[in-house]
Amino acid sequence: MSLGNRAPEGAPSPQQGPVALLCAGGALPAAVAEAMRLAGREVMIVAIKGIADPGLDRFGANWLSLGQLGRLFALLRRKQCCGVVLLGAMHRPTLGSMRIDRVGWSYLFDFLRNIRRGDDGMLRGMTRWFEDQGFPALGAGEVAPELLAPEGLMGTCVPPADALASAARGFACLDALSRFDVGQALVAFGERIVAIEGAEGTDALIDRVAALRLKGRLPRSGRGGLLLKAAKLGQSLKVDLPVVGPGTIERAAGAGLAGVVVEAGRVLVLEGQAMVAAADAASLFLLGLKRAHTA
């Protein structure tokens, strides 16, 4: 992995120190921390109070409130961290929920400006804060490549003949929508795109498809359609990669979908063995497709 060259006085060189995981909500931070631990990579956990999973304490988490950037930067220097990974689900905070220290106030205007640019703009802005302090922003796939979706068939269920064409059409749709920062998932039935992920997330997308079945807008009986998850076109791989896991499979099965297709190398997989087992148990196909990116 490339850790960059810039470092102000007191910051570590790229070759020394642990990688810091700045953890928001959900299961992803713990999965990345565990993958790094098992691979023998040095890690330091910084968990956001009121948002991150309390279970991160088993990794010796350091707990800080939103806005405590001065304390955060000081901790990164004290631990001689060589880079920072931003992980987990992050709601847009209110000023009242933050504990802003002196350094945090100096970044507040930049934060407010970036938050108006959507989730991508907000996350890109935050990565710049750390890079300005000499701590390169790293992607979860860089520090825990074991979690990236593999290419090819996962599990024992073979996709139908039209699945590849349906997935290709879905990829093209997501690519076209990427500049609007819409989402990273959709559901397709053959050549028809029936639902696209919005700000509510993948679970709600699948639930909408289930509701369409109940209303008779989609076939009520039999399995059909696929869930597609992919990174946005031109998206930085350092933040906000799509994530799938056993829960995704179980929800897709409950909605009557026939399978799940993910972009190999650009989607993170939680509990991979359990996810494959869930797909096999539900008779869903699970497929990773590699794509060549030119933008």
Protein backbone atom coordinates (compact mmCIF):
# COMPACT_ATOMS: atom_id res chain seq x y z
CA MET A 1 0.00 0.00 0.00
CA SER A 2 1.12 3.54 -0.63
CA LEU A 3 1.31 5.68 2.46
CA GLY A 4 2.57 8.89 0.88
CA ASN A 5 5.51 11.12 1.75
CA ARG A 6 4.16 14.29 3.38
CA ALA A 7 4.49 14.53 7.17
CA PRO A 8 4.62 17.60 9.41
CA GLU A 9 6.87 17.77 12.43
CA GLY A 10 5.99 15.05 14.96
CA ALA A 11 4.18 12.81 12.48
CA PRO A 12 5.55 9.30 11.78
CA SER A 13 7.24 8.24 8.58
CA PRO A 14 5.16 5.96 6.29
CA GLN A 15 7.18 2.93 7.37
CA GLN A 16 6.45 3.02 11.08
CA GLY A 17 3.51 2.72 13.43
CA PRO A 18 0.04 1.19 13.31
CA VAL A 19 -2.82 1.98 10.97
CA ALA A 20 -5.59 3.89 12.74
CA LEU A 21 -9.19 2.85 12.12
CA LEU A 22 -11.58 5.76 12.71
CA CYS A 23 -14.79 3.87 13.42
CA ALA A 24 -18.41 4.95 13.04
CA GLY A 25 -21.40 2.58 13.23
CA GLY A 26 -22.14 -0.90 11.94
CA ALA A 27 -20.24 -4.17 11.71
CA LEU A 28 -17.59 -3.13 9.18
CA PRO A 29 -15.06 -1.57 11.62
CA ALA A 30 -14.84 -4.74 13.70
CA ALA A 31 -14.53 -6.89 10.58
CA VAL A 32 -11.61 -4.81 9.28
CA ALA A 33 -9.93 -4.77 12.69
CA GLU A 34 -10.26 -8.55 13.02
CA ALA A 35 -8.92 -9.16 9.50
CA MET A 36 -5.90 -6.97 10.24
CA ARG A 37 -5.30 -8.67 13.57
CA LEU A 38 -5.42 -12.14 12.03
CA ALA A 39 -2.99 -11.04 9.32
CA GLY A 40 -0.58 -9.67 11.90
CA ARG A 41 -1.02 -6.03 10.86
CA GLU A 42 -0.69 -3.43 13.60
CA VAL A 43 -3.92 -1.53 14.22
CA MET A 44 -5.14 1.23 16.54
CA ILE A 45 -8.89 1.77 17.01
CA VAL A 46 -10.48 5.20 17.43
CA ALA A 47 -14.22 4.83 18.06
CA ILE A 48 -16.77 7.66 17.89
CA LYS A 49 -18.82 7.95 21.05
CA GLY A 50 -22.53 7.35 20.62
CA ILE A 51 -22.08 5.94 17.10
CA ALA A 52 -19.51 3.13 17.05
CA ASP A 53 -20.23 -0.40 18.30
CA PRO A 54 -19.32 -0.83 21.99
CA GLY A 55 -17.91 -4.24 21.03
CA LEU A 56 -14.84 -2.44 19.64
CA ASP A 57 -13.57 -2.37 23.21
CA ARG A 58 -12.23 -5.88 22.62
CA PHE A 59 -9.67 -4.29 20.30
CA GLY A 60 -8.65 -1.73 22.93
CA ALA A 61 -10.65 1.12 21.37
CA ASN A 62 -9.88 4.76 22.12
CA TRP A 63 -13.20 6.62 22.43
CA LEU A 64 -13.57 10.23 21.25
CA SER A 65 -16.54 12.48 20.56
CA LEU A 66 -17.29 14.05 17.20
CA GLY A 67 -15.42 17.31 16.82
CA GLN A 68 -12.48 16.41 19.06
CA LEU A 69 -10.00 16.71 16.23
CA GLY A 70 -7.24 18.16 18.37
CA ARG A 71 -7.34 15.13 20.67
CA LEU A 72 -7.58 12.83 17.67
CA PHE A 73 -4.54 14.27 15.86
CA ALA A 74 -2.56 14.22 19.11
CA LEU A 75 -3.46 10.55 19.64
CA LEU A 76 -2.41 9.65 16.10
CA ARG A 77 0.97 11.32 16.63
CA ARG A 78 1.48 9.78 20.06
CA LYS A 79 0.79 6.29 18.68
CA GLN A 80 2.95 7.08 15.60
CA CYS A 81 0.20 6.02 13.19
CA CYS A 82 1.21 5.67 9.55
CA GLY A 83 -2.27 6.16 8.06
CA VAL A 84 -5.99 6.45 8.77
CA VAL A 85 -8.98 4.44 7.52
CA LEU A 86 -12.50 5.92 7.78
CA LEU A 87 -15.00 3.13 8.43
CA GLY A 88 -18.65 2.55 9.24
CA ALA A 89 -22.04 4.15 8.85
CA MET A 90 -22.03 7.84 9.66
CA HIS A 91 -25.18 9.92 10.01
CA ARG A 92 -24.93 13.63 9.41
CA PRO A 93 -24.41 15.10 12.88
CA THR A 94 -26.02 18.18 14.36
CA LEU A 95 -23.81 20.78 15.99
CA GLY A 96 -25.47 19.97 19.33
CA SER A 97 -24.28 16.36 19.13
CA MET A 98 -20.63 17.36 18.69
CA ARG A 99 -17.94 18.22 21.25
CA ILE A 100 -15.84 20.59 19.20
CA ASP A 101 -12.38 21.43 20.49
CA ARG A 102 -10.15 24.28 19.32
CA VAL A 103 -8.72 22.36 16.37
CA GLY A 104 -12.20 21.08 15.49
CA TRP A 105 -13.51 24.63 15.22
CA SER A 106 -10.79 25.42 12.67
CA TYR A 107 -12.20 22.67 10.41
CA LEU A 108 -15.89 23.44 10.99
CA PHE A 109 -16.38 25.73 7.98
CA ASP A 110 -14.76 23.17 5.68
CA PHE A 111 -17.04 20.47 7.14
CA LEU A 112 -20.20 22.52 6.57
CA ARG A 113 -19.13 23.36 3.03
CA ASN A 114 -18.39 19.72 2.18
CA ILE A 115 -21.56 18.32 3.74
CA ARG A 116 -23.60 20.36 1.25
CA ARG A 117 -21.82 18.51 -1.55
CA GLY A 118 -23.33 15.17 -0.53
CA ASP A 119 -21.84 12.11 1.12
CA ASP A 120 -18.95 11.81 -1.33
CA GLY A 121 -17.97 15.44 -0.83
CA MET A 122 -18.16 15.14 2.94
CA LEU A 123 -15.99 12.01 3.03
CA ARG A 124 -13.42 13.36 0.58
CA GLY A 125 -13.16 16.51 2.66
CA MET A 126 -12.54 14.51 5.83
CA THR A 127 -9.76 12.48 4.22
CA ARG A 128 -8.01 15.75 3.32
CA TRP A 129 -7.97 16.77 7.00
CA PHE A 130 -5.86 13.76 7.89
CA GLU A 131 -3.61 14.10 4.87
CA ASP A 132 -2.96 17.76 5.77
CA GLN A 133 -1.77 16.54 9.18
CA GLY A 134 0.56 13.97 7.60
CA PHE A 135 -1.64 10.89 8.02
CA PRO A 136 -2.47 9.41 4.60
CA ALA A 137 -6.04 8.22 4.11
CA LEU A 138 -6.15 4.51 3.30
CA GLY A 139 -8.98 2.31 2.05
CA ALA A 140 -10.39 -0.70 3.86
CA GLY A 141 -9.44 -2.78 0.83
CA GLU A 142 -5.81 -1.68 1.21
CA VAL A 143 -5.45 -2.64 4.86
CA ALA A 144 -7.75 -5.70 4.76
CA PRO A 145 -7.69 -7.00 1.17
CA GLU A 146 -9.05 -10.32 2.44
CA LEU A 147 -12.45 -8.65 2.72
CA LEU A 148 -12.72 -7.65 -0.94
CA ALA A 149 -15.23 -9.65 -2.97
CA PRO A 150 -13.52 -12.30 -5.13
CA GLU A 151 -14.16 -12.82 -8.81
CA GLY A 152 -16.30 -15.73 -9.94
CA LEU A 153 -19.04 -17.93 -8.53
CA MET A 154 -19.33 -18.07 -4.76
CA GLY A 155 -21.37 -20.94 -3.44
CA THR A 156 -23.01 -23.77 -5.34
CA CYS A 157 -25.96 -22.13 -7.11
CA VAL A 158 -25.37 -21.37 -10.80
CA PRO A 159 -26.91 -18.15 -12.17
CA PRO A 160 -29.41 -18.35 -15.05
CA ALA A 161 -28.25 -17.70 -18.60
CA ASP A 162 -29.51 -14.10 -18.67
CA ALA A 163 -27.86 -13.04 -15.38
CA LEU A 164 -24.68 -11.67 -16.97
CA ALA A 165 -26.61 -9.52 -19.43
CA SER A 166 -28.84 -8.27 -16.62
CA ALA A 167 -25.80 -7.44 -14.48
CA ALA A 168 -24.12 -5.60 -17.38
CA ARG A 169 -27.22 -3.47 -17.85
CA GLY A 170 -27.28 -2.78 -14.11
CA PHE A 171 -23.61 -1.73 -14.09
CA ALA A 172 -24.31 0.67 -16.96
CA CYS A 173 -27.22 2.19 -15.03
CA LEU A 174 -25.13 2.72 -11.87
CA ASP A 175 -22.31 4.22 -13.95
CA ALA A 176 -24.71 6.70 -15.53
CA LEU A 177 -26.03 7.71 -12.10
CA SER A 178 -22.62 7.94 -10.41
CA ARG A 179 -22.12 11.67 -10.94
CA PHE A 180 -25.40 12.30 -9.09
CA ASP A 181 -24.16 10.44 -5.95
CA VAL A 182 -27.35 8.37 -5.95
CA GLY A 183 -26.38 4.95 -4.67
CA GLN A 184 -24.34 1.80 -5.06
CA ALA A 185 -27.02 -0.84 -5.62
CA LEU A 186 -30.07 -1.68 -7.70
CA VAL A 187 -32.44 -4.56 -8.44
CA ALA A 188 -32.90 -5.77 -12.02
CA PHE A 189 -35.36 -8.21 -13.57
CA GLY A 190 -33.87 -9.14 -16.92
CA GLU A 191 -33.48 -5.92 -18.91
CA ARG A 192 -35.71 -3.99 -16.53
CA ILE A 193 -34.28 -1.94 -13.63
CA VAL A 194 -37.04 -2.02 -11.02
CA ALA A 195 -35.45 -0.24 -8.05
CA ILE A 196 -32.36 1.92 -7.38
CA GLU A 197 -30.75 2.53 -4.00
CA GLY A 198 -31.21 5.97 -2.51
CA ALA A 199 -30.06 7.57 0.71
CA GLU A 200 -32.01 4.98 2.72
CA GLY A 201 -29.52 2.19 1.92
CA THR A 202 -29.54 -1.33 0.52
CA ASP A 203 -31.82 -2.94 3.12
CA ALA A 204 -34.57 -0.43 2.34
CA LEU A 205 -34.02 -0.95 -1.38
CA ILE A 206 -34.65 -4.69 -0.99
CA ASP A 207 -37.67 -4.02 1.22
CA ARG A 208 -39.14 -1.82 -1.54
CA VAL A 209 -38.78 -4.68 -3.98
CA ALA A 210 -40.54 -7.02 -1.54
CA ALA A 211 -43.37 -4.46 -1.28
CA LEU A 212 -43.64 -4.33 -5.08
CA ARG A 213 -44.15 -8.09 -5.10
CA LEU A 214 -46.93 -7.83 -2.54
CA LYS A 215 -48.62 -5.13 -4.64
CA GLY A 216 -48.42 -7.30 -7.76
CA ARG A 217 -46.05 -4.93 -9.56
CA LEU A 218 -43.56 -7.82 -9.78
CA PRO A 219 -44.22 -11.57 -10.06
CA ARG A 220 -45.65 -12.83 -6.78
CA SER A 221 -44.43 -16.41 -7.10
CA GLY A 222 -41.07 -17.96 -7.90
CA ARG A 223 -37.64 -16.42 -7.60
CA GLY A 224 -36.56 -13.76 -10.03
CA GLY A 225 -34.34 -10.74 -10.41
CA LEU A 226 -30.97 -9.92 -8.94
CA LEU A 227 -29.46 -7.46 -6.51
CA LEU A 228 -26.39 -5.69 -7.92
CA LYS A 229 -23.85 -3.84 -5.76
CA ALA A 230 -20.93 -1.84 -7.17
CA ALA A 231 -18.77 1.14 -6.37
CA LYS A 232 -19.64 4.39 -8.13
CA LEU A 233 -17.82 5.24 -11.31
CA GLY A 234 -14.78 7.34 -10.40
CA GLN A 235 -15.33 6.74 -6.69
CA SER A 236 -12.34 6.92 -4.36
CA LEU A 237 -11.68 3.46 -2.98
CA LYS A 238 -10.54 5.01 0.30
CA VAL A 239 -14.04 5.64 1.66
CA ASP A 240 -17.59 4.31 1.48
CA LEU A 241 -17.06 1.09 -0.46
CA PRO A 242 -20.25 -0.98 -0.82
CA VAL A 243 -20.66 -3.77 1.74
CA VAL A 244 -22.50 -7.11 1.63
CA GLY A 245 -22.89 -9.85 4.21
CA PRO A 246 -25.15 -12.65 5.39
CA GLY A 247 -27.90 -10.17 6.21
CA THR A 248 -27.91 -8.95 2.60
CA ILE A 249 -28.43 -12.50 1.37
CA GLU A 250 -31.19 -13.25 3.86
CA ARG A 251 -33.04 -10.07 2.95
CA ALA A 252 -32.68 -10.77 -0.77
CA ALA A 253 -34.06 -14.27 -0.25
CA GLY A 254 -36.99 -12.84 1.71
CA ALA A 255 -37.77 -10.52 -1.18
CA GLY A 256 -37.85 -13.43 -3.62
CA LEU A 257 -34.73 -12.48 -5.55
CA ALA A 258 -32.84 -15.14 -7.47
CA GLY A 259 -29.34 -13.97 -6.70
CA VAL A 260 -26.80 -11.30 -5.80
CA VAL A 261 -24.06 -9.92 -8.05
CA VAL A 262 -21.21 -7.82 -6.63
CA GLU A 263 -18.34 -5.99 -8.26
CA ALA A 264 -15.24 -8.06 -7.53
CA GLY A 265 -12.41 -6.14 -5.88
CA ARG A 266 -14.57 -3.06 -5.15
CA VAL A 267 -17.15 -4.43 -2.71
CA LEU A 268 -16.39 -5.46 0.87
CA VAL A 269 -17.68 -8.79 2.19
CA LEU A 270 -18.54 -9.29 5.86
CA GLU A 271 -18.51 -12.85 7.23
CA GLY A 272 -17.74 -14.34 3.84
CA GLN A 273 -18.19 -18.00 4.80
CA ALA A 274 -21.50 -17.27 6.51
CA MET A 275 -22.64 -15.24 3.51
CA VAL A 276 -21.93 -18.09 1.08
CA ALA A 277 -23.63 -20.57 3.41
CA ALA A 278 -26.69 -18.30 3.56
CA ALA A 279 -26.81 -18.10 -0.25
CA ASP A 280 -26.56 -21.88 -0.61
CA ALA A 281 -29.23 -22.43 2.06
CA ALA A 282 -31.59 -20.05 0.26
CA SER A 283 -30.71 -21.43 -3.22
CA LEU A 284 -29.54 -18.00 -4.36
CA PHE A 285 -26.66 -17.55 -6.77
CA LEU A 286 -23.80 -15.31 -5.58
CA LEU A 287 -21.44 -13.96 -8.20
CA GLY A 288 -18.45 -11.61 -8.25
CA LEU A 289 -17.79 -9.83 -11.55
CA LYS A 290 -14.56 -7.97 -12.33
CA ARG A 291 -14.74 -4.82 -14.42
CA ALA A 292 -12.13 -2.73 -16.20
CA HIS A 293 -12.36 0.90 -15.08
CA THR A 294 -11.30 3.78 -17.26
CA ALA A 295 -12.69 6.57 -15.05
